[in-house]
ModelCIF file with pLDDT and N, C-alpha, C, O atoms, coordinates in Angstrom:
data_MODEL
#
_entry.id   MODEL 
#
_entity.id                         1 
_entity.type                       polymer 
_entity.pdbx_number_of_molecules   1 
#
_entity_poly.entity_id                      1 
_entity_poly.type                           'polypeptide(L)' 
_entity_poly.nstd_linkage                   no 
_entity_poly.nstd_monomer                   no 
_entity_poly.pdbx_seq_one_letter_code       EQPEDESGNVVLSMSRAVSERDWERAEELYAHQTVVEEKVAGFNK 
_entity_poly.pdbx_seq_one_letter_code_can   EQPEDESGNVVLSMSRAVSERDWERAEELYAHQTVVEEKVAGFNK 
_entity_poly.pdbx_strand_id                 A 
#
loop_
_entity_poly_seq.entity_id 
_entity_poly_seq.num 
_entity_poly_seq.mon_id 
_entity_poly_seq.hetero 
1 1  GLU n 
1 2  GLN n 
1 3  PRO n 
1 4  GLU n 
1 5  ASP n 
1 6  GLU n 
1 7  SER n 
1 8  GLY n 
1 9  ASN n 
1 10 VAL n 
1 11 VAL n 
1 12 LEU n 
1 13 SER n 
1 14 MET n 
1 15 SER n 
1 16 ARG n 
1 17 ALA n 
1 18 VAL n 
1 19 SER n 
1 20 GLU n 
1 21 ARG n 
1 22 ASP n 
1 23 TRP n 
1 24 GLU n 
1 25 ARG n 
1 26 ALA n 
1 27 GLU n 
1 28 GLU n 
1 29 LEU n 
1 30 TYR n 
1 31 ALA n 
1 32 HIS n 
1 33 GLN n 
1 34 THR n 
1 35 VAL n 
1 36 VAL n 
1 37 GLU n 
1 38 GLU n 
1 39 LYS n 
1 40 VAL n 
1 41 ALA n 
1 42 GLY n 
1 43 PHE n 
1 44 ASN n 
1 45 LYS n 
#
_struct_asym.id          A 
_struct_asym.entity_id   1 
#
loop_
_ma_qa_metric.id 
_ma_qa_metric.mode 
_ma_qa_metric.name 
_ma_qa_metric.software_group_id 
_ma_qa_metric.type 
1 global pLDDT . pLDDT 
2 local  pLDDT . pLDDT 
#
_ma_qa_metric_global.metric_id      1 
_ma_qa_metric_global.metric_value   89.47 
_ma_qa_metric_global.model_id       1 
_ma_qa_metric_global.ordinal_id     1 
#
loop_
_ma_qa_metric_local.label_asym_id 
_ma_qa_metric_local.label_comp_id 
_ma_qa_metric_local.label_seq_id 
_ma_qa_metric_local.metric_id 
_ma_qa_metric_local.metric_value 
_ma_qa_metric_local.model_id 
_ma_qa_metric_local.ordinal_id 
A GLU 1  2 89.00 1 1  
A GLN 2  2 87.00 1 2  
A PRO 3  2 86.00 1 3  
A GLU 4  2 80.00 1 4  
A ASP 5  2 79.00 1 5  
A GLU 6  2 77.00 1 6  
A SER 7  2 76.00 1 7  
A GLY 8  2 77.00 1 8  
A ASN 9  2 80.00 1 9  
A VAL 10 2 89.00 1 10 
A VAL 11 2 92.00 1 11 
A LEU 12 2 93.00 1 12 
A SER 13 2 91.00 1 13 
A MET 14 2 89.00 1 14 
A SER 15 2 85.00 1 15 
A ARG 16 2 86.00 1 16 
A ALA 17 2 86.00 1 17 
A VAL 18 2 82.00 1 18 
A SER 19 2 83.00 1 19 
A GLU 20 2 84.00 1 20 
A ARG 21 2 85.00 1 21 
A ASP 22 2 90.00 1 22 
A TRP 23 2 91.00 1 23 
A GLU 24 2 90.00 1 24 
A ARG 25 2 93.00 1 25 
A ALA 26 2 95.00 1 26 
A GLU 27 2 95.00 1 27 
A GLU 28 2 95.00 1 28 
A LEU 29 2 96.00 1 29 
A TYR 30 2 96.00 1 30 
A ALA 31 2 96.00 1 31 
A HIS 32 2 95.00 1 32 
A GLN 33 2 94.00 1 33 
A THR 34 2 94.00 1 34 
A VAL 35 2 94.00 1 35 
A VAL 36 2 94.00 1 36 
A GLU 37 2 94.00 1 37 
A GLU 38 2 96.00 1 38 
A LYS 39 2 96.00 1 39 
A VAL 40 2 96.00 1 40 
A ALA 41 2 94.00 1 41 
A GLY 42 2 94.00 1 42 
A PHE 43 2 93.00 1 43 
A ASN 44 2 91.00 1 44 
A LYS 45 2 88.00 1 45 
#
loop_
_atom_site.group_PDB 
_atom_site.id 
_atom_site.type_symbol 
_atom_site.label_atom_id 
_atom_site.label_alt_id 
_atom_site.label_comp_id 
_atom_site.label_asym_id 
_atom_site.label_entity_id 
_atom_site.label_seq_id 
_atom_site.pdbx_PDB_ins_code 
_atom_site.Cartn_x 
_atom_site.Cartn_y 
_atom_site.Cartn_z 
_atom_site.occupancy 
_atom_site.B_iso_or_equiv 
_atom_site.pdbx_formal_charge 
_atom_site.auth_seq_id 
_atom_site.auth_comp_id 
_atom_site.auth_asym_id 
_atom_site.auth_atom_id 
_atom_site.pdbx_PDB_model_num 
ATOM 1   N N  . GLU A 1 1  ? -46.887 69.812 -98.606  1.00 89.00 ? 1  GLU A N  1 
ATOM 2   C CA . GLU A 1 1  ? -48.470 69.649 -98.313  1.00 89.00 ? 1  GLU A CA 1 
ATOM 3   C C  . GLU A 1 1  ? -48.776 68.977 -96.742  1.00 89.00 ? 1  GLU A C  1 
ATOM 4   O O  . GLU A 1 1  ? -49.835 69.207 -96.158  1.00 89.00 ? 1  GLU A O  1 
ATOM 5   N N  . GLN A 1 2  ? -47.770 68.181 -96.200  1.00 87.00 ? 2  GLN A N  1 
ATOM 6   C CA . GLN A 1 2  ? -47.925 67.634 -95.187  1.00 87.00 ? 2  GLN A CA 1 
ATOM 7   C C  . GLN A 1 2  ? -46.529 67.477 -94.547  1.00 87.00 ? 2  GLN A C  1 
ATOM 8   O O  . GLN A 1 2  ? -45.605 66.880 -95.100  1.00 87.00 ? 2  GLN A O  1 
ATOM 9   N N  . PRO A 1 3  ? -46.446 68.139 -93.183  1.00 86.00 ? 3  PRO A N  1 
ATOM 10  C CA . PRO A 1 3  ? -45.033 67.884 -92.703  1.00 86.00 ? 3  PRO A CA 1 
ATOM 11  C C  . PRO A 1 3  ? -44.668 66.387 -92.464  1.00 86.00 ? 3  PRO A C  1 
ATOM 12  O O  . PRO A 1 3  ? -43.530 65.974 -92.691  1.00 86.00 ? 3  PRO A O  1 
ATOM 13  N N  . GLU A 1 4  ? -45.638 65.612 -92.013  1.00 80.00 ? 4  GLU A N  1 
ATOM 14  C CA . GLU A 1 4  ? -45.453 64.408 -91.664  1.00 80.00 ? 4  GLU A CA 1 
ATOM 15  C C  . GLU A 1 4  ? -46.768 63.428 -91.890  1.00 80.00 ? 4  GLU A C  1 
ATOM 16  O O  . GLU A 1 4  ? -47.894 63.622 -91.433  1.00 80.00 ? 4  GLU A O  1 
ATOM 17  N N  . ASP A 1 5  ? -46.275 62.192 -92.817  1.00 79.00 ? 5  ASP A N  1 
ATOM 18  C CA . ASP A 1 5  ? -47.414 61.276 -92.949  1.00 79.00 ? 5  ASP A CA 1 
ATOM 19  C C  . ASP A 1 5  ? -47.269 59.952 -91.814  1.00 79.00 ? 5  ASP A C  1 
ATOM 20  O O  . ASP A 1 5  ? -46.501 59.975 -90.852  1.00 79.00 ? 5  ASP A O  1 
ATOM 21  N N  . GLU A 1 6  ? -48.199 58.793 -92.166  1.00 77.00 ? 6  GLU A N  1 
ATOM 22  C CA . GLU A 1 6  ? -48.039 57.830 -91.113  1.00 77.00 ? 6  GLU A CA 1 
ATOM 23  C C  . GLU A 1 6  ? -46.816 57.320 -91.135  1.00 77.00 ? 6  GLU A C  1 
ATOM 24  O O  . GLU A 1 6  ? -46.320 56.940 -90.074  1.00 77.00 ? 6  GLU A O  1 
ATOM 25  N N  . SER A 1 7  ? -46.164 57.227 -92.243  1.00 76.00 ? 7  SER A N  1 
ATOM 26  C CA . SER A 1 7  ? -44.552 56.718 -92.450  1.00 76.00 ? 7  SER A CA 1 
ATOM 27  C C  . SER A 1 7  ? -43.535 57.655 -91.672  1.00 76.00 ? 7  SER A C  1 
ATOM 28  O O  . SER A 1 7  ? -42.480 57.144 -91.295  1.00 76.00 ? 7  SER A O  1 
ATOM 29  N N  . GLY A 1 8  ? -43.794 59.051 -91.394  1.00 77.00 ? 8  GLY A N  1 
ATOM 30  C CA . GLY A 1 8  ? -42.783 59.865 -90.982  1.00 77.00 ? 8  GLY A CA 1 
ATOM 31  C C  . GLY A 1 8  ? -42.234 60.472 -92.033  1.00 77.00 ? 8  GLY A C  1 
ATOM 32  O O  . GLY A 1 8  ? -41.282 61.227 -91.833  1.00 77.00 ? 8  GLY A O  1 
ATOM 33  N N  . ASN A 1 9  ? -42.761 60.246 -93.444  1.00 80.00 ? 9  ASN A N  1 
ATOM 34  C CA . ASN A 1 9  ? -42.244 61.053 -94.519  1.00 80.00 ? 9  ASN A CA 1 
ATOM 35  C C  . ASN A 1 9  ? -42.837 62.646 -94.481  1.00 80.00 ? 9  ASN A C  1 
ATOM 36  O O  . ASN A 1 9  ? -43.770 62.976 -93.749  1.00 80.00 ? 9  ASN A O  1 
ATOM 37  N N  . VAL A 1 10 ? -42.194 63.490 -95.318  1.00 89.00 ? 10 VAL A N  1 
ATOM 38  C CA . VAL A 1 10 ? -42.944 64.845 -95.575  1.00 89.00 ? 10 VAL A CA 1 
ATOM 39  C C  . VAL A 1 10 ? -43.495 64.661 -96.723  1.00 89.00 ? 10 VAL A C  1 
ATOM 40  O O  . VAL A 1 10 ? -42.694 64.191 -97.531  1.00 89.00 ? 10 VAL A O  1 
ATOM 41  N N  . VAL A 1 11 ? -44.913 64.900 -97.287  1.00 92.00 ? 11 VAL A N  1 
ATOM 42  C CA . VAL A 1 11 ? -45.534 64.798 -98.380  1.00 92.00 ? 11 VAL A CA 1 
ATOM 43  C C  . VAL A 1 11 ? -45.349 66.134 -99.146  1.00 92.00 ? 11 VAL A C  1 
ATOM 44  O O  . VAL A 1 11 ? -45.730 67.198 -98.658  1.00 92.00 ? 11 VAL A O  1 
ATOM 45  N N  . LEU A 1 12 ? -44.891 66.068 -100.081 1.00 93.00 ? 12 LEU A N  1 
ATOM 46  C CA . LEU A 1 12 ? -44.380 67.192 -101.119 1.00 93.00 ? 12 LEU A CA 1 
ATOM 47  C C  . LEU A 1 12 ? -45.256 67.321 -102.434 1.00 93.00 ? 12 LEU A C  1 
ATOM 48  O O  . LEU A 1 12 ? -45.760 66.293 -102.887 1.00 93.00 ? 12 LEU A O  1 
ATOM 49  N N  . SER A 1 13 ? -45.439 68.404 -102.999 1.00 91.00 ? 13 SER A N  1 
ATOM 50  C CA . SER A 1 13 ? -46.266 68.648 -104.253 1.00 91.00 ? 13 SER A CA 1 
ATOM 51  C C  . SER A 1 13 ? -45.133 69.589 -105.207 1.00 91.00 ? 13 SER A C  1 
ATOM 52  O O  . SER A 1 13 ? -44.688 70.714 -104.978 1.00 91.00 ? 13 SER A O  1 
ATOM 53  N N  . MET A 1 14 ? -44.902 68.777 -106.201 1.00 89.00 ? 14 MET A N  1 
ATOM 54  C CA . MET A 1 14 ? -43.844 69.724 -107.079 1.00 89.00 ? 14 MET A CA 1 
ATOM 55  C C  . MET A 1 14 ? -44.790 70.705 -108.187 1.00 89.00 ? 14 MET A C  1 
ATOM 56  O O  . MET A 1 14 ? -44.515 71.847 -108.552 1.00 89.00 ? 14 MET A O  1 
ATOM 57  N N  . SER A 1 15 ? -45.893 69.932 -108.556 1.00 85.00 ? 15 SER A N  1 
ATOM 58  C CA . SER A 1 15 ? -46.924 70.629 -109.492 1.00 85.00 ? 15 SER A CA 1 
ATOM 59  C C  . SER A 1 15 ? -47.328 72.042 -108.655 1.00 85.00 ? 15 SER A C  1 
ATOM 60  O O  . SER A 1 15 ? -47.185 73.141 -109.191 1.00 85.00 ? 15 SER A O  1 
ATOM 61  N N  . ARG A 1 16 ? -47.800 71.904 -107.408 1.00 86.00 ? 16 ARG A N  1 
ATOM 62  C CA . ARG A 1 16 ? -48.002 73.107 -106.918 1.00 86.00 ? 16 ARG A CA 1 
ATOM 63  C C  . ARG A 1 16 ? -46.960 74.298 -106.653 1.00 86.00 ? 16 ARG A C  1 
ATOM 64  O O  . ARG A 1 16 ? -47.136 75.513 -106.749 1.00 86.00 ? 16 ARG A O  1 
ATOM 65  N N  . ALA A 1 17 ? -45.767 73.533 -106.273 1.00 86.00 ? 17 ALA A N  1 
ATOM 66  C CA . ALA A 1 17 ? -44.457 74.469 -106.161 1.00 86.00 ? 17 ALA A CA 1 
ATOM 67  C C  . ALA A 1 17 ? -44.110 75.432 -107.327 1.00 86.00 ? 17 ALA A C  1 
ATOM 68  O O  . ALA A 1 17 ? -43.592 76.547 -107.262 1.00 86.00 ? 17 ALA A O  1 
ATOM 69  N N  . VAL A 1 18 ? -44.585 74.618 -108.579 1.00 82.00 ? 18 VAL A N  1 
ATOM 70  C CA . VAL A 1 18 ? -44.644 75.628 -109.694 1.00 82.00 ? 18 VAL A CA 1 
ATOM 71  C C  . VAL A 1 18 ? -45.088 76.770 -109.742 1.00 82.00 ? 18 VAL A C  1 
ATOM 72  O O  . VAL A 1 18 ? -44.427 77.766 -110.034 1.00 82.00 ? 18 VAL A O  1 
ATOM 73  N N  . SER A 1 19 ? -46.588 76.731 -109.377 1.00 83.00 ? 19 SER A N  1 
ATOM 74  C CA . SER A 1 19 ? -47.604 77.432 -109.175 1.00 83.00 ? 19 SER A CA 1 
ATOM 75  C C  . SER A 1 19 ? -47.062 78.481 -108.091 1.00 83.00 ? 19 SER A C  1 
ATOM 76  O O  . SER A 1 19 ? -46.971 79.652 -108.462 1.00 83.00 ? 19 SER A O  1 
ATOM 77  N N  . GLU A 1 20 ? -46.717 78.171 -106.855 1.00 84.00 ? 20 GLU A N  1 
ATOM 78  C CA . GLU A 1 20 ? -46.235 79.253 -105.864 1.00 84.00 ? 20 GLU A CA 1 
ATOM 79  C C  . GLU A 1 20 ? -45.017 79.893 -106.547 1.00 84.00 ? 20 GLU A C  1 
ATOM 80  O O  . GLU A 1 20 ? -44.960 81.121 -106.473 1.00 84.00 ? 20 GLU A O  1 
ATOM 81  N N  . ARG A 1 21 ? -44.113 79.304 -107.147 1.00 85.00 ? 21 ARG A N  1 
ATOM 82  C CA . ARG A 1 21 ? -42.965 80.276 -107.654 1.00 85.00 ? 21 ARG A CA 1 
ATOM 83  C C  . ARG A 1 21 ? -43.368 81.471 -108.618 1.00 85.00 ? 21 ARG A C  1 
ATOM 84  O O  . ARG A 1 21 ? -42.878 82.596 -108.720 1.00 85.00 ? 21 ARG A O  1 
ATOM 85  N N  . ASP A 1 22 ? -44.410 80.871 -109.285 1.00 90.00 ? 22 ASP A N  1 
ATOM 86  C CA . ASP A 1 22 ? -44.988 81.796 -110.271 1.00 90.00 ? 22 ASP A CA 1 
ATOM 87  C C  . ASP A 1 22 ? -45.831 82.995 -109.520 1.00 90.00 ? 22 ASP A C  1 
ATOM 88  O O  . ASP A 1 22 ? -45.994 84.086 -110.068 1.00 90.00 ? 22 ASP A O  1 
ATOM 89  N N  . TRP A 1 23 ? -46.265 82.741 -108.428 1.00 91.00 ? 23 TRP A N  1 
ATOM 90  C CA . TRP A 1 23 ? -47.116 83.897 -107.657 1.00 91.00 ? 23 TRP A CA 1 
ATOM 91  C C  . TRP A 1 23 ? -45.870 84.519 -107.051 1.00 91.00 ? 23 TRP A C  1 
ATOM 92  O O  . TRP A 1 23 ? -45.859 85.749 -107.014 1.00 91.00 ? 23 TRP A O  1 
ATOM 93  N N  . GLU A 1 24 ? -44.830 83.873 -106.574 1.00 90.00 ? 24 GLU A N  1 
ATOM 94  C CA . GLU A 1 24 ? -43.828 84.831 -105.608 1.00 90.00 ? 24 GLU A CA 1 
ATOM 95  C C  . GLU A 1 24 ? -43.141 85.714 -106.689 1.00 90.00 ? 24 GLU A C  1 
ATOM 96  O O  . GLU A 1 24 ? -42.751 86.826 -106.332 1.00 90.00 ? 24 GLU A O  1 
ATOM 97  N N  . ARG A 1 25 ? -42.948 85.301 -108.046 1.00 93.00 ? 25 ARG A N  1 
ATOM 98  C CA . ARG A 1 25 ? -42.632 86.321 -109.045 1.00 93.00 ? 25 ARG A CA 1 
ATOM 99  C C  . ARG A 1 25 ? -43.490 87.221 -109.181 1.00 93.00 ? 25 ARG A C  1 
ATOM 100 O O  . ARG A 1 25 ? -43.166 88.384 -108.939 1.00 93.00 ? 25 ARG A O  1 
ATOM 101 N N  . ALA A 1 26 ? -44.668 86.932 -109.561 1.00 95.00 ? 26 ALA A N  1 
ATOM 102 C CA . ALA A 1 26 ? -45.827 88.167 -109.625 1.00 95.00 ? 26 ALA A CA 1 
ATOM 103 C C  . ALA A 1 26 ? -45.685 89.040 -108.431 1.00 95.00 ? 26 ALA A C  1 
ATOM 104 O O  . ALA A 1 26 ? -45.556 90.262 -108.498 1.00 95.00 ? 26 ALA A O  1 
ATOM 105 N N  . GLU A 1 27 ? -45.713 88.427 -107.461 1.00 95.00 ? 27 GLU A N  1 
ATOM 106 C CA . GLU A 1 27 ? -45.664 89.567 -106.292 1.00 95.00 ? 27 GLU A CA 1 
ATOM 107 C C  . GLU A 1 27 ? -44.241 90.172 -106.352 1.00 95.00 ? 27 GLU A C  1 
ATOM 108 O O  . GLU A 1 27 ? -44.107 91.275 -105.822 1.00 95.00 ? 27 GLU A O  1 
ATOM 109 N N  . GLU A 1 28 ? -43.384 89.716 -106.807 1.00 95.00 ? 28 GLU A N  1 
ATOM 110 C CA . GLU A 1 28 ? -42.231 90.580 -106.821 1.00 95.00 ? 28 GLU A CA 1 
ATOM 111 C C  . GLU A 1 28 ? -42.021 91.613 -107.968 1.00 95.00 ? 28 GLU A C  1 
ATOM 112 O O  . GLU A 1 28 ? -41.309 92.615 -107.909 1.00 95.00 ? 28 GLU A O  1 
ATOM 113 N N  . LEU A 1 29 ? -42.749 91.199 -108.992 1.00 96.00 ? 29 LEU A N  1 
ATOM 114 C CA . LEU A 1 29 ? -42.940 92.142 -110.137 1.00 96.00 ? 29 LEU A CA 1 
ATOM 115 C C  . LEU A 1 29 ? -43.782 93.186 -109.644 1.00 96.00 ? 29 LEU A C  1 
ATOM 116 O O  . LEU A 1 29 ? -43.360 94.336 -109.760 1.00 96.00 ? 29 LEU A O  1 
ATOM 117 N N  . TYR A 1 30 ? -45.063 92.963 -109.036 1.00 96.00 ? 30 TYR A N  1 
ATOM 118 C CA . TYR A 1 30 ? -45.829 93.712 -108.270 1.00 96.00 ? 30 TYR A CA 1 
ATOM 119 C C  . TYR A 1 30 ? -45.017 94.948 -107.368 1.00 96.00 ? 30 TYR A C  1 
ATOM 120 O O  . TYR A 1 30 ? -45.161 96.152 -107.580 1.00 96.00 ? 30 TYR A O  1 
ATOM 121 N N  . ALA A 1 31 ? -44.151 94.356 -106.335 1.00 96.00 ? 31 ALA A N  1 
ATOM 122 C CA . ALA A 1 31 ? -43.689 95.121 -105.694 1.00 96.00 ? 31 ALA A CA 1 
ATOM 123 C C  . ALA A 1 31 ? -42.689 96.069 -106.190 1.00 96.00 ? 31 ALA A C  1 
ATOM 124 O O  . ALA A 1 31 ? -42.694 97.211 -105.731 1.00 96.00 ? 31 ALA A O  1 
ATOM 125 N N  . HIS A 1 32 ? -41.802 95.710 -107.108 1.00 95.00 ? 32 HIS A N  1 
ATOM 126 C CA . HIS A 1 32 ? -40.839 96.579 -107.862 1.00 95.00 ? 32 HIS A CA 1 
ATOM 127 C C  . HIS A 1 32 ? -41.520 97.262 -109.049 1.00 95.00 ? 32 HIS A C  1 
ATOM 128 O O  . HIS A 1 32 ? -40.831 98.212 -109.418 1.00 95.00 ? 32 HIS A O  1 
ATOM 129 N N  . GLN A 1 33 ? -42.422 97.141 -109.638 1.00 94.00 ? 33 GLN A N  1 
ATOM 130 C CA . GLN A 1 33 ? -43.144 97.599 -110.465 1.00 94.00 ? 33 GLN A CA 1 
ATOM 131 C C  . GLN A 1 33 ? -42.201 97.494 -111.618 1.00 94.00 ? 33 GLN A C  1 
ATOM 132 O O  . GLN A 1 33 ? -41.630 98.443 -112.155 1.00 94.00 ? 33 GLN A O  1 
ATOM 133 N N  . THR A 1 34 ? -42.091 96.082 -111.978 1.00 94.00 ? 34 THR A N  1 
ATOM 134 C CA . THR A 1 34 ? -41.068 95.931 -113.314 1.00 94.00 ? 34 THR A CA 1 
ATOM 135 C C  . THR A 1 34 ? -41.611 95.741 -114.434 1.00 94.00 ? 34 THR A C  1 
ATOM 136 O O  . THR A 1 34 ? -42.619 95.035 -114.429 1.00 94.00 ? 34 THR A O  1 
ATOM 137 N N  . VAL A 1 35 ? -41.229 96.182 -115.465 1.00 94.00 ? 35 VAL A N  1 
ATOM 138 C CA . VAL A 1 35 ? -41.803 96.142 -117.101 1.00 94.00 ? 35 VAL A CA 1 
ATOM 139 C C  . VAL A 1 35 ? -41.417 94.555 -117.355 1.00 94.00 ? 35 VAL A C  1 
ATOM 140 O O  . VAL A 1 35 ? -40.300 94.077 -117.159 1.00 94.00 ? 35 VAL A O  1 
ATOM 141 N N  . VAL A 1 36 ? -42.560 93.852 -117.826 1.00 94.00 ? 36 VAL A N  1 
ATOM 142 C CA . VAL A 1 36 ? -42.406 92.435 -118.315 1.00 94.00 ? 36 VAL A CA 1 
ATOM 143 C C  . VAL A 1 36 ? -42.903 92.569 -119.842 1.00 94.00 ? 36 VAL A C  1 
ATOM 144 O O  . VAL A 1 36 ? -43.819 93.289 -120.239 1.00 94.00 ? 36 VAL A O  1 
ATOM 145 N N  . GLU A 1 37 ? -42.202 91.832 -120.498 1.00 94.00 ? 37 GLU A N  1 
ATOM 146 C CA . GLU A 1 37 ? -42.887 91.320 -122.004 1.00 94.00 ? 37 GLU A CA 1 
ATOM 147 C C  . GLU A 1 37 ? -43.199 89.803 -122.204 1.00 94.00 ? 37 GLU A C  1 
ATOM 148 O O  . GLU A 1 37 ? -42.394 88.882 -122.068 1.00 94.00 ? 37 GLU A O  1 
ATOM 149 N N  . GLU A 1 38 ? -44.328 89.727 -122.502 1.00 96.00 ? 38 GLU A N  1 
ATOM 150 C CA . GLU A 1 38 ? -45.033 88.281 -122.770 1.00 96.00 ? 38 GLU A CA 1 
ATOM 151 C C  . GLU A 1 38 ? -45.538 88.569 -124.007 1.00 96.00 ? 38 GLU A C  1 
ATOM 152 O O  . GLU A 1 38 ? -45.514 89.670 -124.557 1.00 96.00 ? 38 GLU A O  1 
ATOM 153 N N  . LYS A 1 39 ? -46.174 87.151 -124.592 1.00 96.00 ? 39 LYS A N  1 
ATOM 154 C CA . LYS A 1 39 ? -47.151 87.233 -125.605 1.00 96.00 ? 39 LYS A CA 1 
ATOM 155 C C  . LYS A 1 39 ? -48.499 87.143 -125.122 1.00 96.00 ? 39 LYS A C  1 
ATOM 156 O O  . LYS A 1 39 ? -48.749 86.518 -124.091 1.00 96.00 ? 39 LYS A O  1 
ATOM 157 N N  . VAL A 1 40 ? -49.553 87.833 -125.921 1.00 96.00 ? 40 VAL A N  1 
ATOM 158 C CA . VAL A 1 40 ? -50.751 87.447 -125.654 1.00 96.00 ? 40 VAL A CA 1 
ATOM 159 C C  . VAL A 1 40 ? -51.264 86.094 -126.043 1.00 96.00 ? 40 VAL A C  1 
ATOM 160 O O  . VAL A 1 40 ? -51.227 85.689 -127.205 1.00 96.00 ? 40 VAL A O  1 
ATOM 161 N N  . ALA A 1 41 ? -51.800 85.326 -124.914 1.00 94.00 ? 41 ALA A N  1 
ATOM 162 C CA . ALA A 1 41 ? -52.186 84.051 -125.136 1.00 94.00 ? 41 ALA A CA 1 
ATOM 163 C C  . ALA A 1 41 ? -53.581 83.790 -125.637 1.00 94.00 ? 41 ALA A C  1 
ATOM 164 O O  . ALA A 1 41 ? -53.799 82.811 -126.350 1.00 94.00 ? 41 ALA A O  1 
ATOM 165 N N  . GLY A 1 42 ? -54.448 84.554 -125.323 1.00 94.00 ? 42 GLY A N  1 
ATOM 166 C CA . GLY A 1 42 ? -56.002 84.558 -125.780 1.00 94.00 ? 42 GLY A CA 1 
ATOM 167 C C  . GLY A 1 42 ? -56.612 85.818 -125.159 1.00 94.00 ? 42 GLY A C  1 
ATOM 168 O O  . GLY A 1 42 ? -55.995 86.820 -124.796 1.00 94.00 ? 42 GLY A O  1 
ATOM 169 N N  . PHE A 1 43 ? -57.877 85.604 -125.101 1.00 93.00 ? 43 PHE A N  1 
ATOM 170 C CA . PHE A 1 43 ? -58.783 86.657 -124.825 1.00 93.00 ? 43 PHE A CA 1 
ATOM 171 C C  . PHE A 1 43 ? -60.226 86.553 -124.240 1.00 93.00 ? 43 PHE A C  1 
ATOM 172 O O  . PHE A 1 43 ? -60.683 85.535 -124.760 1.00 93.00 ? 43 PHE A O  1 
ATOM 173 N N  . ASN A 1 44 ? -61.067 87.032 -123.513 1.00 91.00 ? 44 ASN A N  1 
ATOM 174 C CA . ASN A 1 44 ? -62.234 86.914 -123.221 1.00 91.00 ? 44 ASN A CA 1 
ATOM 175 C C  . ASN A 1 44 ? -63.083 88.361 -123.485 1.00 91.00 ? 44 ASN A C  1 
ATOM 176 O O  . ASN A 1 44 ? -62.557 89.355 -123.986 1.00 91.00 ? 44 ASN A O  1 
ATOM 177 N N  . LYS A 1 45 ? -64.311 88.294 -123.108 1.00 88.00 ? 45 LYS A N  1 
ATOM 178 C CA . LYS A 1 45 ? -65.062 89.363 -123.765 1.00 88.00 ? 45 LYS A CA 1 
ATOM 179 C C  . LYS A 1 45 ? -64.698 90.728 -123.059 1.00 88.00 ? 45 LYS A C  1 
ATOM 180 O O  . LYS A 1 45 ? -65.212 91.779 -123.443 1.00 88.00 ? 45 LYS A O  1 
#
């Protein structure tokens, strides 16, 4: 999130990392056109 704060520490986000890894996986599946199987979780109109 931030390379260095006022204390000199790198500020990290683990919750956002989960989302980023999911996006990376989605991009990889798209690039290779891999067939995936998952359950339907819900719907909209």
